[in-house]
Protein backbone atom coordinates (compact mmCIF):
# COMPACT_ATOMS: atom_id res chain seq x y z
CA MET A 1 0.00 0.00 0.00
CA ARG A 2 1.30 3.46 -0.90
CA VAL A 3 2.02 5.65 2.10
CA PRO A 4 -0.28 8.71 1.93
CA HIS A 5 1.08 12.24 2.25
CA LEU A 6 -1.00 15.39 2.27
CA VAL A 7 1.32 17.63 0.27
CA GLN A 8 4.92 17.94 -0.90
CA TYR A 9 6.74 19.71 1.93
CA GLN A 10 10.40 20.67 1.88
CA GLY A 11 12.17 19.08 4.83
CA SER A 12 9.66 16.26 5.11
CA LYS A 13 11.16 12.90 6.07
CA ARG A 14 8.71 11.04 3.83
CA MET A 15 11.39 9.54 1.58
CA ILE A 16 13.67 8.31 4.37
CA ALA A 17 10.99 7.50 6.95
CA PRO A 18 11.20 3.76 6.13
CA GLU A 19 14.89 3.82 7.12
CA ILE A 20 14.21 5.82 10.28
CA ILE A 21 11.49 3.56 11.66
CA LYS A 22 13.75 0.53 11.32
CA PHE A 23 15.32 1.73 14.57
CA PHE A 24 12.06 2.22 16.47
CA PRO A 25 11.60 0.09 19.60
CA LYS A 26 9.84 -3.21 19.11
CA SER A 27 7.20 -2.18 21.61
CA PHE A 28 6.13 1.18 22.99
CA HIS A 29 2.94 2.89 24.11
CA ARG A 30 2.93 6.23 22.29
CA LEU A 31 4.91 8.03 19.59
CA ILE A 32 5.63 11.71 20.23
CA GLU A 33 6.77 14.07 17.45
CA PRO A 34 7.61 17.54 18.85
CA PHE A 35 8.58 18.87 15.38
CA CYS A 36 6.03 16.99 13.30
CA GLY A 37 5.74 19.08 10.12
CA THR A 38 3.33 17.16 7.91
CA CYS A 39 3.67 14.02 10.07
CA ALA A 40 5.47 11.76 7.60
CA VAL A 41 7.07 9.59 10.28
CA THR A 42 3.89 9.37 12.37
CA ILE A 43 1.83 8.37 9.32
CA LEU A 44 4.25 5.60 8.39
CA ALA A 45 4.47 4.40 12.01
CA ALA A 46 0.67 4.14 12.11
CA MET A 47 0.64 2.30 8.81
CA GLU A 48 3.28 -0.15 10.09
CA LYS A 49 1.29 -0.56 13.33
CA LYS A 50 4.24 0.45 15.50
CA CYS A 51 1.81 1.74 18.12
CA ASP A 52 -1.75 3.05 18.33
CA LYS A 53 -1.32 6.37 20.16
CA PHE A 54 0.33 9.47 18.75
CA TRP A 55 1.11 13.00 19.89
CA VAL A 56 2.08 15.42 17.13
CA ASN A 57 3.24 18.96 17.83
CA ASP A 58 4.63 21.84 15.81
CA ILE A 59 5.30 25.42 16.84
CA ASN A 60 3.83 26.44 13.46
CA ALA A 61 0.19 26.65 14.54
CA PRO A 62 -1.43 26.83 11.05
CA LEU A 63 0.50 23.72 10.05
CA ILE A 64 -0.67 21.71 13.07
CA GLN A 65 -4.23 22.97 12.49
CA LEU A 66 -3.97 21.70 8.92
CA MET A 67 -2.94 18.23 10.07
CA GLN A 68 -5.60 18.20 12.79
CA GLU A 69 -8.36 19.00 10.31
CA CYS A 70 -6.99 16.41 7.89
CA VAL A 71 -7.18 13.73 10.58
CA ASN A 72 -10.36 14.68 12.42
CA THR A 73 -12.57 16.27 9.72
CA PRO A 74 -11.07 15.40 6.33
CA GLU A 75 -14.28 16.20 4.43
CA LYS A 76 -14.15 19.81 5.67
CA LEU A 77 -10.52 20.16 4.54
CA VAL A 78 -11.13 18.54 1.16
CA ASN A 79 -14.18 20.69 0.41
CA GLY A 80 -12.45 23.89 1.52
CA TYR A 81 -9.35 23.14 -0.52
CA SER A 82 -11.40 22.21 -3.58
CA ASP A 83 -13.26 25.54 -3.45
CA ILE A 84 -10.03 27.53 -3.18
CA TRP A 85 -8.17 25.47 -5.79
CA ASN A 86 -10.99 25.80 -8.33
CA GLY A 87 -11.20 29.53 -7.65
CA GLN A 88 -7.97 30.15 -9.56
CA PHE A 89 -9.72 29.09 -12.77
CA CYS A 90 -12.75 31.37 -12.43
CA GLU A 91 -13.42 33.80 -15.25
CA GLY A 92 -11.39 36.96 -14.86
CA GLU A 93 -8.85 35.37 -12.51
CA ASN A 94 -5.15 35.16 -13.25
CA ASN A 95 -3.99 32.05 -11.39
CA ILE A 96 -0.71 33.66 -10.25
CA ASP A 97 -2.38 36.82 -8.98
CA TYR A 98 -4.93 34.55 -7.32
CA PHE A 99 -2.15 32.81 -5.36
CA TYR A 100 -0.90 36.13 -4.02
CA LYS A 101 -4.44 37.14 -3.08
CA ILE A 102 -4.83 33.93 -1.06
CA ARG A 103 -1.39 34.50 0.50
CA ASP A 104 -2.36 38.03 1.52
CA GLU A 105 -5.61 36.76 3.05
CA PHE A 106 -3.63 34.15 4.99
CA ASN A 107 -1.09 36.67 6.25
CA ASN A 108 -3.86 39.07 7.26
CA GLY A 109 -5.55 36.57 9.56
CA MET A 110 -7.45 34.04 7.43
CA LYS A 111 -5.17 31.16 8.49
CA ASP A 112 -7.66 28.36 7.92
CA PRO A 113 -6.29 24.91 6.99
CA ALA A 114 -7.63 24.99 3.43
CA ARG A 115 -5.69 28.19 2.64
CA MET A 116 -2.58 26.81 4.27
CA LEU A 117 -2.85 23.66 2.17
CA PHE A 118 -3.38 25.58 -1.07
CA LEU A 119 -0.32 27.74 -0.39
CA LEU A 120 1.78 24.67 0.41
CA ALA A 121 0.60 23.06 -2.82
CA ARG A 122 1.56 26.06 -4.98
CA VAL A 123 4.71 27.55 -3.47
CA VAL A 124 8.04 27.07 -5.23
CA LYS A 125 9.54 23.64 -4.42
CA GLY A 126 6.95 23.04 -1.69
CA ALA A 127 9.10 25.32 0.47
CA ILE A 128 7.36 27.68 2.85
CA ARG A 129 9.36 30.79 3.81
CA TYR A 130 8.65 33.47 6.44
CA ASN A 131 9.82 37.04 6.86
CA ALA A 132 11.04 38.54 10.15
CA ASP A 133 7.42 39.27 11.14
CA GLY A 134 6.38 35.66 10.63
CA ARG A 135 4.43 36.40 7.45
CA LEU A 136 4.55 33.82 4.70
CA ASN A 137 6.51 35.28 1.78
CA GLN A 138 7.45 32.42 -0.55
CA SER A 139 6.75 32.86 -4.27
CA CYS A 140 4.20 31.08 -6.42
CA ASP A 141 5.33 28.19 -8.61
CA LYS A 142 4.24 29.46 -12.02
CA ARG A 143 4.66 26.08 -13.72
CA ARG A 144 1.82 24.27 -11.97
CA TYR A 145 -1.53 24.82 -10.31
CA GLY A 146 -1.00 22.76 -7.15
CA THR A 147 -2.18 19.28 -6.25
CA LYS A 148 -5.57 18.42 -7.71
CA PRO A 149 -8.42 18.13 -5.19
CA GLU A 150 -8.96 14.47 -6.09
CA MET A 151 -5.43 13.61 -5.00
CA ILE A 152 -5.78 15.68 -1.84
CA ALA A 153 -9.00 13.83 -1.04
CA ASN A 154 -7.43 10.40 -1.51
CA ASN A 155 -4.52 11.23 0.76
CA ALA A 156 -6.53 13.12 3.39
CA TYR A 157 -9.04 10.30 3.87
CA SER A 158 -6.23 7.74 4.01
CA ILE A 159 -4.34 9.72 6.65
CA SER A 160 -7.54 10.19 8.63
CA GLY A 161 -8.17 6.45 8.51
CA LEU A 162 -4.76 5.82 10.05
CA LEU A 163 -4.75 8.50 12.77
CA ASN A 164 -8.33 9.48 13.61
CA GLY A 165 -9.18 8.80 17.25
CA LYS A 166 -5.57 7.97 18.07
CA THR A 167 -3.84 11.34 17.85
CA LYS A 168 -3.31 14.33 20.13
CA PHE A 169 -2.41 17.67 18.51
CA SER A 170 -0.63 20.67 20.02
CA SER A 171 1.34 23.76 19.02
CA VAL A 172 3.71 24.63 21.85
CA ASP A 173 7.45 24.84 22.44
CA TYR A 174 9.17 21.48 22.04
CA LYS A 175 10.59 21.70 25.59
CA ASP A 176 7.07 21.66 27.00
CA ILE A 177 6.33 18.46 25.08
CA LEU A 178 9.51 16.71 26.19
CA ALA A 179 8.80 17.65 29.82
CA MET A 180 5.53 15.72 29.60
CA ALA A 181 7.02 12.59 27.99
CA LYS A 182 6.88 9.57 30.28
CA GLN A 183 7.85 5.93 30.48
CA GLY A 184 6.34 3.99 27.59
CA ASP A 185 6.64 6.94 25.22
CA PHE A 186 9.04 7.02 22.30
CA VAL A 187 10.14 10.37 20.83
CA TYR A 188 11.13 11.13 17.25
CA MET A 189 12.59 14.60 16.68
CA ASP A 190 13.28 16.46 13.45
CA PRO A 191 14.26 19.94 14.72
CA PRO A 192 15.27 22.89 12.52
CA TYR A 193 18.71 22.07 11.18
CA GLN A 194 21.88 23.93 12.10
CA GLY A 195 22.90 23.85 8.44
CA THR A 196 19.96 26.07 7.50
CA SER A 197 20.12 28.42 10.48
CA LYS A 198 21.57 31.89 10.77
CA LYS A 199 24.50 32.72 13.03
CA ASP A 200 22.45 32.94 16.22
CA ASN A 201 20.85 29.59 15.35
CA ARG A 202 17.45 31.02 16.23
CA ARG A 203 16.09 32.63 13.09
CA ASP A 204 15.81 31.17 9.62
CA ASN A 205 13.15 32.00 7.06
CA ARG A 206 12.31 28.31 6.67
CA TYR A 207 11.02 28.14 10.23
CA ILE A 208 8.72 30.02 12.55
CA GLN A 209 11.24 29.42 15.34
CA GLY A 210 14.71 27.91 15.52
CA VAL A 211 16.32 25.63 18.10
CA GLU A 212 19.41 26.64 20.07
CA PHE A 213 22.01 23.83 20.05
CA ASP A 214 23.11 23.80 23.70
CA GLU A 215 19.55 24.13 24.93
CA PHE A 216 18.54 21.18 22.75
CA VAL A 217 21.38 19.07 24.13
CA LYS A 218 20.17 19.76 27.69
CA GLU A 219 16.68 18.57 26.74
CA LEU A 220 18.13 15.33 25.36
CA GLU A 221 20.01 14.86 28.65
CA LYS A 222 16.71 15.11 30.49
CA LEU A 223 15.20 12.40 28.28
CA ASN A 224 18.20 10.19 29.06
CA ASP A 225 17.72 10.81 32.77
CA LYS A 226 14.07 9.78 32.51
CA GLY A 227 14.97 6.63 30.56
CA ILE A 228 12.96 7.65 27.48
CA ASP A 229 14.28 6.43 24.13
CA TYR A 230 14.39 8.74 21.14
CA ILE A 231 15.71 9.29 17.63
CA VAL A 232 16.90 12.66 16.31
CA SER A 233 17.27 13.70 12.67
CA TYR A 234 19.79 16.54 12.77
CA ASP A 235 21.72 17.95 9.82
CA GLY A 236 23.98 15.69 7.74
CA LYS A 237 26.40 16.04 4.86
CA THR A 238 26.46 16.59 1.11
CA GLY A 239 29.58 15.41 -0.67
CA ASP A 240 32.49 16.44 1.56
CA LYS A 241 30.55 19.22 3.27
CA ILE A 242 29.35 18.42 6.80
CA MET A 243 26.55 20.62 8.11
CA GLY A 244 26.26 21.49 11.76
CA LYS A 245 27.99 20.31 14.94
CA SER A 246 27.59 16.69 15.97
CA LEU A 247 25.59 15.97 19.10
CA PRO A 248 28.02 15.35 21.99
CA GLU A 249 29.27 11.86 22.76
CA PHE A 250 28.24 12.04 26.43
CA LEU A 251 24.61 11.62 25.34
CA GLY A 252 25.49 8.02 24.45
CA LEU A 253 23.79 8.15 21.04
CA THR A 254 24.69 6.15 17.95
CA HIS A 255 25.29 8.45 14.98
CA ILE A 256 24.47 7.01 11.58
CA TYR A 257 23.99 8.46 8.11
CA ILE A 258 21.00 7.68 5.91
CA ASN A 259 21.31 8.07 2.16
CA ALA A 260 18.74 10.70 1.14
CA GLY A 261 19.60 10.67 -2.58
CA ILE A 262 21.06 13.22 -4.96
CA SER A 263 21.22 16.74 -3.57
CA THR A 264 18.85 19.08 -5.43
CA GLN A 265 20.96 22.12 -4.58
CA ALA A 266 24.15 20.42 -5.79
CA THR A 267 22.42 19.48 -9.04
CA LEU A 268 21.44 23.13 -9.58
CA ASN A 269 25.13 24.00 -9.11
CA GLY A 270 26.17 21.47 -11.75
CA LYS A 271 27.36 18.81 -9.30
CA LYS A 272 26.14 15.30 -8.63
CA GLU A 273 26.45 14.78 -4.90
CA ILE A 274 24.57 12.54 -2.49
CA THR A 275 22.98 13.96 0.63
CA TYR A 276 23.25 11.92 3.82
CA GLU A 277 20.92 12.70 6.69
CA SER A 278 22.41 12.47 10.18
CA VAL A 279 20.34 10.33 12.53
CA TYR A 280 21.11 9.89 16.23
CA VAL A 281 19.68 6.81 17.92
CA SER A 282 19.32 6.06 21.64
CA LYS A 283 21.76 3.42 22.84
CA ASN A 284 18.99 0.93 23.67
CA LEU A 285 17.67 0.92 20.10
CA ILE A 286 20.54 -0.23 17.93
CA SER A 287 23.14 -3.01 17.90
CA LYS A 288 26.67 -2.91 16.50
CA GLN A 289 25.59 -5.23 13.70
CA GLU A 290 22.78 -2.86 12.74
CA VAL A 291 25.23 0.05 12.64
CA TYR A 292 27.53 -1.96 10.38
CA GLU A 293 24.70 -2.92 8.02
CA GLN A 294 23.43 0.66 7.88
CA MET A 295 26.88 2.01 7.03
CA LYS A 296 27.17 -0.49 4.19
CA LEU A 297 23.86 0.72 2.77
CA CYS A 298 24.92 4.38 2.99
CA LEU A 299 28.18 3.74 1.19
CA ALA A 300 26.58 1.63 -1.55
């Protein structure tokens, strides 16, 4: 069965999620994603029946509201999206101007899930960007009209079938979520990457809010102290270029690289380089043999 996804979203772990969940515990009560994005890992975990309770969180409130409506009331999302998507073809409308009209409405307070989904479906490279005031400012992709409503409907109803009645939604700081994690929980984290952050590591136009490195390390220490297992996706490398500092050894994590395919940015620069995503795995979750096998796959 094909794994459903609501929309193309830059930074999504959809393509490497099958490699990530290989390291999930064999048994756990609840999966927590403090930086869930469009929930690619949670959706696959539900599909693979890794557990039957989920808590997804993202500091980007409109994004979490989008996923919540997709799961709990998919018909409302599908109908709202269909109306907005079809609106770009109405007589007298220029589809590009229409995109910017919807973007202005969104930035001026109409942050409903259907508008958020339409903007995600039509921005360049599926990449949302924000200005210093938190207003969405990414450009329209002029080559396409966005995902057709029929495809959105198929994916939304499939995602709802996997997560409805099993999922808690929130939009708070990740530290608040980690403080509430307890025995029996398993945490997967995909925080804003150092390699895409500005010098203070707090503000990047790809994110509503960044994550400070040392502060993040302290939160991982707290999880260790509570005996809660976790996996972190955090930066990586492209060709010979390593992005970001490695998480410190005293955390006791196993650092592996997952082959994420040819780098799009390198291709644009006339190079053919493979991107490897850094993944850090709690010591209870991985054996030496698994590390060896994973390294062989990455180097293949």
